[in-house]
């Protein structure tokens, strides 16, 4: 491996993390805006029959992992 390939690899890893952080921040901001709008409209932020948040998070992470595995092939 030459120096150019190593530098490109490191830059790609850093950019991937930065982009992922920006995307997560944007999605979180949109979610907060939507919750705020619902609260202003008098609607509950979460429906009373909403699934368990921890379970939903766990399923989302599993789905993301499976998607990454599928993308490798």
C-alpha atoms as a PDB file:
ATOM      1  CA  UNK A   1       0.000   0.000   0.000  1.00  0.00           C
ATOM      2  CA  UNK A   2       1.305   3.401  -0.819  1.00  0.00           C
ATOM      3  CA  UNK A   3       0.847   6.598   1.169  1.00  0.00           C
ATOM      4  CA  UNK A   4      -1.898   7.883  -1.133  1.00  0.00           C
ATOM      5  CA  UNK A   5      -4.087   4.829  -0.525  1.00  0.00           C
ATOM      6  CA  UNK A   6      -3.603   5.049   3.245  1.00  0.00           C
ATOM      7  CA  UNK A   7      -4.475   8.752   3.288  1.00  0.00           C
ATOM      8  CA  UNK A   8      -7.584   8.139   1.169  1.00  0.00           C
ATOM      9  CA  UNK A   9      -8.684   5.326   3.478  1.00  0.00           C
ATOM     10  CA  UNK A  10      -8.323   7.498   6.590  1.00  0.00           C
ATOM     11  CA  UNK A  11     -10.103  10.440   4.945  1.00  0.00           C
ATOM     12  CA  UNK A  12     -12.984   8.170   3.898  1.00  0.00           C
ATOM     13  CA  UNK A  13     -13.348   6.851   7.457  1.00  0.00           C
ATOM     14  CA  UNK A  14     -13.391  10.371   8.915  1.00  0.00           C
ATOM     15  CA  UNK A  15     -15.843  11.654   6.300  1.00  0.00           C
ATOM     16  CA  UNK A  16     -18.145   8.683   6.875  1.00  0.00           C
ATOM     17  CA  UNK A  17     -18.306   9.462  10.604  1.00  0.00           C
ATOM     18  CA  UNK A  18     -18.818  13.186  10.014  1.00  0.00           C
ATOM     19  CA  UNK A  19     -21.615  12.608   7.506  1.00  0.00           C
ATOM     20  CA  UNK A  20     -23.281  10.052   9.783  1.00  0.00           C
ATOM     21  CA  UNK A  21     -23.155  12.528  12.676  1.00  0.00           C
ATOM     22  CA  UNK A  22     -24.651  15.281  10.544  1.00  0.00           C
ATOM     23  CA  UNK A  23     -27.417  13.037   9.286  1.00  0.00           C
ATOM     24  CA  UNK A  24     -28.281  11.917  12.825  1.00  0.00           C
ATOM     25  CA  UNK A  25     -28.322  15.530  14.038  1.00  0.00           C
ATOM     26  CA  UNK A  26     -30.624  16.546  11.185  1.00  0.00           C
ATOM     27  CA  UNK A  27     -33.029  13.680  11.761  1.00  0.00           C
ATOM     28  CA  UNK A  28     -33.104  14.426  15.500  1.00  0.00           C
ATOM     29  CA  UNK A  29     -33.821  18.099  14.773  1.00  0.00           C
ATOM     30  CA  UNK A  30     -36.697  17.173  12.482  1.00  0.00           C
ATOM     31  CA  UNK A  31     -38.070  14.819  15.136  1.00  0.00           C
ATOM     32  CA  UNK A  32     -37.955  17.542  17.783  1.00  0.00           C
ATOM     33  CA  UNK A  33     -39.710  19.945  15.411  1.00  0.00           C
ATOM     34  CA  UNK A  34     -42.463  17.425  14.723  1.00  0.00           C
ATOM     35  CA  UNK A  35     -42.937  16.719  18.443  1.00  0.00           C
ATOM     36  CA  UNK A  36     -43.107  20.452  19.120  1.00  0.00           C
ATOM     37  CA  UNK A  37     -45.715  20.944  16.388  1.00  0.00           C
ATOM     38  CA  UNK A  38     -47.818  18.111  17.764  1.00  0.00           C
ATOM     39  CA  UNK A  39     -47.601  19.594  21.252  1.00  0.00           C
ATOM     40  CA  UNK A  40     -48.633  23.010  19.928  1.00  0.00           C
ATOM     41  CA  UNK A  41     -51.581  21.435  18.108  1.00  0.00           C
ATOM     42  CA  UNK A  42     -52.729  19.783  21.318  1.00  0.00           C
ATOM     43  CA  UNK A  43     -52.002  16.255  20.110  1.00  0.00           C
ATOM     44  CA  UNK A  44     -49.991  13.917  22.310  1.00  0.00           C
ATOM     45  CA  UNK A  45     -46.362  13.534  21.210  1.00  0.00           C
ATOM     46  CA  UNK A  46     -46.673   9.734  21.445  1.00  0.00           C
ATOM     47  CA  UNK A  47     -49.887   7.823  20.864  1.00  0.00           C
ATOM     48  CA  UNK A  48     -51.154   5.924  23.877  1.00  0.00           C
ATOM     49  CA  UNK A  49     -50.758   2.600  22.081  1.00  0.00           C
ATOM     50  CA  UNK A  50     -47.151   3.318  20.980  1.00  0.00           C
ATOM     51  CA  UNK A  51     -44.809   0.323  21.150  1.00  0.00           C
ATOM     52  CA  UNK A  52     -42.051   0.144  23.718  1.00  0.00           C
ATOM     53  CA  UNK A  53     -39.341   2.641  22.735  1.00  0.00           C
ATOM     54  CA  UNK A  54     -36.472   0.381  23.819  1.00  0.00           C
ATOM     55  CA  UNK A  55     -37.889  -2.488  21.775  1.00  0.00           C
ATOM     56  CA  UNK A  56     -38.353  -0.262  18.750  1.00  0.00           C
ATOM     57  CA  UNK A  57     -34.775   1.007  19.059  1.00  0.00           C
ATOM     58  CA  UNK A  58     -33.480  -2.555  19.322  1.00  0.00           C
ATOM     59  CA  UNK A  59     -35.375  -3.600  16.195  1.00  0.00           C
ATOM     60  CA  UNK A  60     -34.134  -0.555  14.282  1.00  0.00           C
ATOM     61  CA  UNK A  61     -30.522  -1.369  15.183  1.00  0.00           C
ATOM     62  CA  UNK A  62     -31.000  -4.997  14.135  1.00  0.00           C
ATOM     63  CA  UNK A  63     -32.483  -3.869  10.826  1.00  0.00           C
ATOM     64  CA  UNK A  64     -29.563  -1.503  10.226  1.00  0.00           C
ATOM     65  CA  UNK A  65     -27.072  -4.303  10.936  1.00  0.00           C
ATOM     66  CA  UNK A  66     -28.878  -6.670   8.566  1.00  0.00           C
ATOM     67  CA  UNK A  67     -28.955  -3.988   5.871  1.00  0.00           C
ATOM     68  CA  UNK A  68     -25.209  -3.449   6.197  1.00  0.00           C
ATOM     69  CA  UNK A  69     -24.583  -7.188   5.918  1.00  0.00           C
ATOM     70  CA  UNK A  70     -26.712  -7.398   2.770  1.00  0.00           C
ATOM     71  CA  UNK A  71     -24.856  -4.423   1.280  1.00  0.00           C
ATOM     72  CA  UNK A  72     -21.501  -6.214   1.579  1.00  0.00           C
ATOM     73  CA  UNK A  73     -22.415  -8.854  -0.985  1.00  0.00           C
END
